[in-house]
Amino acid sequence: MAQTMENESKGTEAEKKSSKIQEKVGKLGNDIDTLAKKTGDEASKLAKGINTEIKSLSEEIKSIDVKNEVKSITARVDKLVDTTGDSAKKLASEIKADVKKLVDKIEIPISKKK
């Protein structure tokens, strides 16, 4: 009985983490779209915030693959700062897709902790 309650609380904890991650990803998607439309100092500040959020998402996992993916994504966010027009929209879309893939990789190990 005690073990069942312990498993339920672990499940709830994993669900909360998953929900929190989904919330962050939604905000990141919006921020990346906004970044595609910004330029100059405003874009640089926004990119810095996006990169911080992406790095915080990956802290849950200690995988080298995830760390390399984060480096790749943050480098492209920095590139997005200097990109404009249709190129910026395309790059933003690619970054969002990569963030989604990263989250999928992160969420699988979290759900296994149940």
C-alpha atoms as a PDB file:
ATOM      1  CA  MET A   1       0.000   0.000   0.000  1.00  0.00           C
ATOM      2  CA  ALA A   2       2.770   2.430   0.927  1.00  0.00           C
ATOM      3  CA  GLN A   3       4.613   1.523  -2.263  1.00  0.00           C
ATOM      4  CA  THR A   4       1.501   2.263  -4.349  1.00  0.00           C
ATOM      5  CA  MET A   5       1.189   5.724  -2.797  1.00  0.00           C
ATOM      6  CA  GLU A   6       4.893   6.314  -3.374  1.00  0.00           C
ATOM      7  CA  ASN A   7       4.531   5.341  -7.049  1.00  0.00           C
ATOM      8  CA  GLU A   8       1.506   7.634  -7.397  1.00  0.00           C
ATOM      9  CA  SER A   9       3.398  10.581  -5.916  1.00  0.00           C
ATOM     10  CA  LYS A  10       6.320   9.909  -8.296  1.00  0.00           C
ATOM     11  CA  GLY A  11       3.855   9.790 -11.183  1.00  0.00           C
ATOM     12  CA  THR A  12       2.315  13.088 -10.136  1.00  0.00           C
ATOM     13  CA  GLU A  13       5.761  14.634  -9.797  1.00  0.00           C
ATOM     14  CA  ALA A  14       6.719  13.481 -13.302  1.00  0.00           C
ATOM     15  CA  GLU A  15       3.434  14.853 -14.667  1.00  0.00           C
ATOM     16  CA  LYS A  16       4.122  18.225 -13.021  1.00  0.00           C
ATOM     17  CA  LYS A  17       7.623  18.307 -14.546  1.00  0.00           C
ATOM     18  CA  SER A  18       6.206  17.399 -17.938  1.00  0.00           C
ATOM     19  CA  SER A  19       3.561  20.103 -17.686  1.00  0.00           C
ATOM     20  CA  LYS A  20       6.168  22.662 -16.616  1.00  0.00           C
ATOM     21  CA  ILE A  21       8.393  21.681 -19.544  1.00  0.00           C
ATOM     22  CA  GLN A  22       5.479  21.984 -21.997  1.00  0.00           C
ATOM     23  CA  GLU A  23       4.734  25.447 -20.614  1.00  0.00           C
ATOM     24  CA  LYS A  24       8.367  26.502 -21.104  1.00  0.00           C
ATOM     25  CA  VAL A  25       8.380  25.136 -24.651  1.00  0.00           C
ATOM     26  CA  GLY A  26       5.246  27.092 -25.519  1.00  0.00           C
ATOM     27  CA  LYS A  27       6.844  30.290 -24.229  1.00  0.00           C
ATOM     28  CA  LEU A  28      10.070  29.476 -26.078  1.00  0.00           C
ATOM     29  CA  GLY A  29       8.158  29.023 -29.327  1.00  0.00           C
ATOM     30  CA  ASN A  30       6.551  32.436 -28.912  1.00  0.00           C
ATOM     31  CA  ASP A  31       9.888  34.031 -28.003  1.00  0.00           C
ATOM     32  CA  ILE A  32      11.592  32.474 -31.039  1.00  0.00           C
ATOM     33  CA  ASP A  33       8.851  33.825 -33.311  1.00  0.00           C
ATOM     34  CA  THR A  34       9.263  37.252 -31.710  1.00  0.00           C
ATOM     35  CA  LEU A  35      13.040  37.063 -32.126  1.00  0.00           C
ATOM     36  CA  ALA A  36      12.589  36.428 -35.859  1.00  0.00           C
ATOM     37  CA  LYS A  37      10.922  39.862 -36.060  1.00  0.00           C
ATOM     38  CA  LYS A  38      13.354  41.801 -33.838  1.00  0.00           C
ATOM     39  CA  THR A  39      16.728  43.380 -34.569  1.00  0.00           C
ATOM     40  CA  GLY A  40      19.602  44.987 -32.719  1.00  0.00           C
ATOM     41  CA  ASP A  41      19.914  45.166 -28.933  1.00  0.00           C
ATOM     42  CA  GLU A  42      16.347  44.018 -28.406  1.00  0.00           C
ATOM     43  CA  ALA A  43      17.035  40.861 -30.412  1.00  0.00           C
ATOM     44  CA  SER A  44      20.290  40.220 -28.540  1.00  0.00           C
ATOM     45  CA  LYS A  45      18.575  40.458 -25.141  1.00  0.00           C
ATOM     46  CA  LEU A  46      15.763  38.171 -26.261  1.00  0.00           C
ATOM     47  CA  ALA A  47      18.237  35.631 -27.697  1.00  0.00           C
ATOM     48  CA  LYS A  48      20.138  35.578 -24.412  1.00  0.00           C
ATOM     49  CA  GLY A  49      16.908  34.802 -22.544  1.00  0.00           C
ATOM     50  CA  ILE A  50      15.942  32.086 -25.032  1.00  0.00           C
ATOM     51  CA  ASN A  51      19.352  30.448 -24.760  1.00  0.00           C
ATOM     52  CA  THR A  52      19.147  30.486 -20.958  1.00  0.00           C
ATOM     53  CA  GLU A  53      15.737  28.768 -21.103  1.00  0.00           C
ATOM     54  CA  ILE A  54      16.953  26.144 -23.571  1.00  0.00           C
ATOM     55  CA  LYS A  55      19.932  25.379 -21.342  1.00  0.00           C
ATOM     56  CA  SER A  56      17.675  25.115 -18.289  1.00  0.00           C
ATOM     57  CA  LEU A  57      15.482  22.591 -20.106  1.00  0.00           C
ATOM     58  CA  SER A  58      18.438  20.306 -20.668  1.00  0.00           C
ATOM     59  CA  GLU A  59      19.756  20.439 -17.096  1.00  0.00           C
ATOM     60  CA  GLU A  60      17.443  17.557 -16.219  1.00  0.00           C
ATOM     61  CA  ILE A  61      19.441  15.229 -18.462  1.00  0.00           C
ATOM     62  CA  LYS A  62      23.181  14.668 -18.251  1.00  0.00           C
ATOM     63  CA  SER A  63      23.486  13.199 -21.754  1.00  0.00           C
ATOM     64  CA  ILE A  64      26.291  14.307 -24.068  1.00  0.00           C
ATOM     65  CA  ASP A  65      23.872  14.113 -27.032  1.00  0.00           C
ATOM     66  CA  VAL A  66      21.528  16.545 -25.309  1.00  0.00           C
ATOM     67  CA  LYS A  67      24.380  18.915 -24.425  1.00  0.00           C
ATOM     68  CA  ASN A  68      25.564  18.914 -28.056  1.00  0.00           C
ATOM     69  CA  GLU A  69      22.029  19.524 -29.265  1.00  0.00           C
ATOM     70  CA  VAL A  70      21.667  22.459 -26.867  1.00  0.00           C
ATOM     71  CA  LYS A  71      24.917  23.963 -28.198  1.00  0.00           C
ATOM     72  CA  SER A  72      23.626  23.601 -31.754  1.00  0.00           C
ATOM     73  CA  ILE A  73      20.267  25.184 -30.942  1.00  0.00           C
ATOM     74  CA  THR A  74      21.753  28.088 -28.988  1.00  0.00           C
ATOM     75  CA  ALA A  75      24.233  28.783 -31.808  1.00  0.00           C
ATOM     76  CA  ARG A  76      21.339  29.003 -34.265  1.00  0.00           C
ATOM     77  CA  VAL A  77      19.400  31.286 -31.895  1.00  0.00           C
ATOM     78  CA  ASP A  78      22.446  33.577 -31.927  1.00  0.00           C
ATOM     79  CA  LYS A  79      22.455  33.409 -35.748  1.00  0.00           C
ATOM     80  CA  LEU A  80      18.751  34.296 -35.768  1.00  0.00           C
ATOM     81  CA  VAL A  81      19.613  37.621 -34.092  1.00  0.00           C
ATOM     82  CA  ASP A  82      21.344  38.719 -37.318  1.00  0.00           C
ATOM     83  CA  THR A  83      18.858  37.151 -39.741  1.00  0.00           C
ATOM     84  CA  THR A  84      15.853  38.959 -41.205  1.00  0.00           C
ATOM     85  CA  GLY A  85      12.854  38.367 -43.451  1.00  0.00           C
ATOM     86  CA  ASP A  86      11.897  34.958 -44.789  1.00  0.00           C
ATOM     87  CA  SER A  87      15.270  33.520 -43.783  1.00  0.00           C
ATOM     88  CA  ALA A  88      14.536  34.474 -40.170  1.00  0.00           C
ATOM     89  CA  LYS A  89      11.092  32.872 -40.296  1.00  0.00           C
ATOM     90  CA  LYS A  90      12.536  29.662 -41.736  1.00  0.00           C
ATOM     91  CA  LEU A  91      15.339  29.530 -39.175  1.00  0.00           C
ATOM     92  CA  ALA A  92      12.879  30.225 -36.341  1.00  0.00           C
ATOM     93  CA  SER A  93      10.705  27.356 -37.536  1.00  0.00           C
ATOM     94  CA  GLU A  94      13.705  25.002 -37.651  1.00  0.00           C
ATOM     95  CA  ILE A  95      14.797  26.051 -34.162  1.00  0.00           C
ATOM     96  CA  LYS A  96      11.313  25.437 -32.761  1.00  0.00           C
ATOM     97  CA  ALA A  97      11.269  21.967 -34.332  1.00  0.00           C
ATOM     98  CA  ASP A  98      14.658  21.205 -32.778  1.00  0.00           C
ATOM     99  CA  VAL A  99      13.506  22.454 -29.373  1.00  0.00           C
ATOM    100  CA  LYS A 100      10.497  20.132 -29.642  1.00  0.00           C
ATOM    101  CA  LYS A 101      12.790  17.183 -30.451  1.00  0.00           C
ATOM    102  CA  LEU A 102      15.003  18.123 -27.508  1.00  0.00           C
ATOM    103  CA  VAL A 103      12.002  18.205 -25.184  1.00  0.00           C
ATOM    104  CA  ASP A 104      10.882  14.807 -26.447  1.00  0.00           C
ATOM    105  CA  LYS A 105      14.314  13.408 -25.571  1.00  0.00           C
ATOM    106  CA  ILE A 106      14.135  14.994 -22.129  1.00  0.00           C
ATOM    107  CA  GLU A 107      10.578  13.889 -21.360  1.00  0.00           C
ATOM    108  CA  ILE A 108      11.193  10.206 -22.129  1.00  0.00           C
ATOM    109  CA  PRO A 109      13.715   9.776 -19.276  1.00  0.00           C
ATOM    110  CA  ILE A 110      11.478  11.782 -16.905  1.00  0.00           C
ATOM    111  CA  SER A 111       8.505   9.529 -17.616  1.00  0.00           C
ATOM    112  CA  LYS A 112      10.694   6.436 -17.022  1.00  0.00           C
ATOM    113  CA  LYS A 113      11.344   7.672 -13.477  1.00  0.00           C
ATOM    114  CA  LYS A 114       7.710   6.990 -12.562  1.00  0.00           C
END
